[in-house]
């Protein structure tokens, strides 16, 4: 299961009440995206919630694809966001706090920790395969990225 499947809308019941409908907890579920990011849905939200929803939309849903927001780019951007937070030195607990503050979404710390562990293992594999293939630059890039995630 992808990490974006484990990202949840904070205060989702309060938001559902404001929208006068039920919404799934998953931030990247199709129904959530449809309800939160249509013009009529967003107008019903209080100003603080609306601001965070708009920031989320601007940062992750801004894509020129015909299938946006269902093209996979929002999930890719969010994964990059998590990895960048870790590279800046944030712990898994702090990453959850930052994403909640920034976008009113959250994840369980264990899920973030597991995702980061998987990322480090994948970078180890990329480095090893690149070494075998004689791709020195690729191996170094993978090693550098791994070091950023493990400091």
Protein backbone atom coordinates (compact mmCIF):
# COMPACT_ATOMS: atom_id res chain seq x y z
CA UNK A 1 0.00 0.00 0.00
CA UNK A 2 1.36 3.42 -0.95
CA UNK A 3 2.05 5.98 1.76
CA UNK A 4 -0.48 8.33 0.18
CA UNK A 5 -3.17 5.74 0.93
CA UNK A 6 -2.27 6.28 4.59
CA UNK A 7 -2.63 10.07 4.59
CA UNK A 8 -5.82 11.18 6.31
CA UNK A 9 -7.84 14.40 6.52
CA UNK A 10 -7.61 15.89 10.01
CA UNK A 11 -10.97 16.83 11.52
CA UNK A 12 -12.66 14.97 8.73
CA UNK A 13 -15.98 14.79 10.65
CA UNK A 14 -15.98 18.57 11.15
CA UNK A 15 -15.27 19.07 7.45
CA UNK A 16 -18.01 16.60 6.51
CA UNK A 17 -20.40 18.55 8.73
CA UNK A 18 -19.45 21.82 7.03
CA UNK A 19 -19.94 20.21 3.62
CA UNK A 20 -23.21 18.62 4.79
CA UNK A 21 -22.18 15.23 3.43
CA UNK A 22 -19.96 12.33 4.41
CA UNK A 23 -16.43 12.11 3.07
CA UNK A 24 -13.81 9.40 3.29
CA UNK A 25 -10.92 9.92 5.69
CA UNK A 26 -8.29 9.36 2.99
CA UNK A 27 -6.85 12.64 1.72
CA UNK A 28 -6.08 11.16 -1.71
CA UNK A 29 -9.30 9.20 -2.18
CA UNK A 30 -11.26 10.22 -5.26
CA UNK A 31 -14.40 11.13 -3.34
CA UNK A 32 -12.46 13.38 -0.97
CA UNK A 33 -10.75 15.16 -3.84
CA UNK A 34 -14.05 15.59 -5.65
CA UNK A 35 -15.84 17.05 -2.63
CA UNK A 36 -13.09 19.28 -1.30
CA UNK A 37 -11.82 20.67 -4.55
CA UNK A 38 -14.99 21.57 -6.38
CA UNK A 39 -16.08 25.16 -6.22
CA UNK A 40 -19.26 24.55 -4.25
CA UNK A 41 -17.58 22.29 -1.70
CA UNK A 42 -14.80 24.67 -0.86
CA UNK A 43 -17.18 27.61 -0.42
CA UNK A 44 -18.90 25.84 2.47
CA UNK A 45 -15.71 25.48 4.52
CA UNK A 46 -14.70 27.91 7.26
CA UNK A 47 -11.89 30.25 6.28
CA UNK A 48 -9.08 28.45 8.18
CA UNK A 49 -9.99 25.09 6.65
CA UNK A 50 -10.50 26.64 3.23
CA UNK A 51 -7.02 28.21 3.34
CA UNK A 52 -5.37 24.88 4.12
CA UNK A 53 -7.37 23.06 1.46
CA UNK A 54 -6.37 25.68 -1.10
CA UNK A 55 -2.70 25.38 -0.09
CA UNK A 56 -2.92 21.60 -0.46
CA UNK A 57 -4.53 22.00 -3.88
CA UNK A 58 -1.93 24.53 -5.04
CA UNK A 59 1.02 22.46 -3.82
CA UNK A 60 -0.10 19.00 -4.91
CA UNK A 61 -2.97 19.20 -7.38
CA UNK A 62 -1.54 21.82 -9.72
CA UNK A 63 -0.98 19.73 -12.82
CA UNK A 64 -1.76 20.17 -16.51
CA UNK A 65 -2.69 16.52 -17.07
CA UNK A 66 -6.07 15.73 -18.56
CA UNK A 67 -6.76 13.30 -15.71
CA UNK A 68 -5.80 15.70 -12.90
CA UNK A 69 -6.14 15.06 -9.94
CA UNK A 70 -6.25 11.34 -10.79
CA UNK A 71 -3.02 11.26 -12.84
CA UNK A 72 -0.71 10.18 -10.00
CA UNK A 73 1.20 13.46 -9.89
CA UNK A 74 -0.42 14.67 -6.64
CA UNK A 75 0.74 11.49 -4.91
CA UNK A 76 4.23 11.82 -6.38
CA UNK A 77 4.46 15.43 -5.20
CA UNK A 78 3.34 14.43 -1.71
CA UNK A 79 5.93 11.65 -1.53
CA UNK A 80 8.58 14.18 -2.55
CA UNK A 81 7.30 16.52 0.17
CA UNK A 82 7.73 13.82 2.82
CA UNK A 83 11.22 12.91 1.58
CA UNK A 84 12.25 16.58 1.54
CA UNK A 85 11.06 17.02 5.12
CA UNK A 86 13.16 14.04 6.17
CA UNK A 87 16.18 15.35 4.25
CA UNK A 88 15.79 18.61 6.21
CA UNK A 89 16.25 16.57 9.39
CA UNK A 90 12.66 16.17 10.54
CA UNK A 91 11.91 12.99 12.48
CA UNK A 92 8.85 10.89 11.54
CA UNK A 93 6.94 12.48 14.47
CA UNK A 94 7.90 15.96 13.29
CA UNK A 95 6.95 15.13 9.69
CA UNK A 96 3.44 14.24 10.87
CA UNK A 97 3.27 17.50 12.84
CA UNK A 98 4.44 19.59 9.87
CA UNK A 99 2.01 18.01 7.39
CA UNK A 100 -0.81 18.54 9.86
CA UNK A 101 0.13 22.18 10.37
CA UNK A 102 0.67 22.82 6.67
CA UNK A 103 -2.30 20.98 5.14
CA UNK A 104 -4.60 19.56 7.84
CA UNK A 105 -3.63 16.02 6.89
CA UNK A 106 -1.94 13.43 9.05
CA UNK A 107 -0.47 9.96 9.04
CA UNK A 108 0.52 7.57 11.76
CA UNK A 109 4.15 7.94 12.76
CA UNK A 110 4.74 4.22 12.22
CA UNK A 111 3.52 4.50 8.63
CA UNK A 112 5.91 7.39 7.96
CA UNK A 113 8.76 5.48 9.62
CA UNK A 114 8.00 2.39 7.51
CA UNK A 115 7.83 4.48 4.32
CA UNK A 116 11.20 6.09 5.07
CA UNK A 117 12.75 2.71 5.88
CA UNK A 118 11.49 1.35 2.56
CA UNK A 119 12.92 4.40 0.76
CA UNK A 120 16.34 3.81 2.33
CA UNK A 121 16.25 0.13 1.34
CA UNK A 122 15.31 1.02 -2.23
CA UNK A 123 18.17 3.51 -2.42
CA UNK A 124 20.53 0.81 -1.13
CA UNK A 125 19.34 -1.46 -3.93
CA UNK A 126 19.72 1.29 -6.56
CA UNK A 127 23.25 1.97 -5.35
CA UNK A 128 24.21 -1.71 -5.45
CA UNK A 129 22.74 -2.25 -8.92
CA UNK A 130 24.37 0.91 -10.25
CA UNK A 131 27.73 -0.27 -8.89
CA UNK A 132 27.31 -3.61 -10.65
CA UNK A 133 26.44 -1.86 -13.91
CA UNK A 134 29.37 0.53 -13.60
CA UNK A 135 27.07 3.56 -13.25
CA UNK A 136 29.29 5.41 -10.78
CA UNK A 137 27.36 8.67 -10.90
CA UNK A 138 24.01 6.94 -10.32
CA UNK A 139 25.50 4.94 -7.43
CA UNK A 140 26.81 8.14 -5.85
CA UNK A 141 23.48 9.92 -6.29
CA UNK A 142 21.69 7.04 -4.58
CA UNK A 143 24.25 6.99 -1.77
CA UNK A 144 23.88 10.74 -1.26
CA UNK A 145 20.09 10.52 -1.19
CA UNK A 146 20.25 7.63 1.30
CA UNK A 147 22.57 9.64 3.56
CA UNK A 148 20.12 12.56 3.54
CA UNK A 149 17.35 10.24 4.72
CA UNK A 150 19.38 8.54 7.43
CA UNK A 151 21.06 11.46 9.19
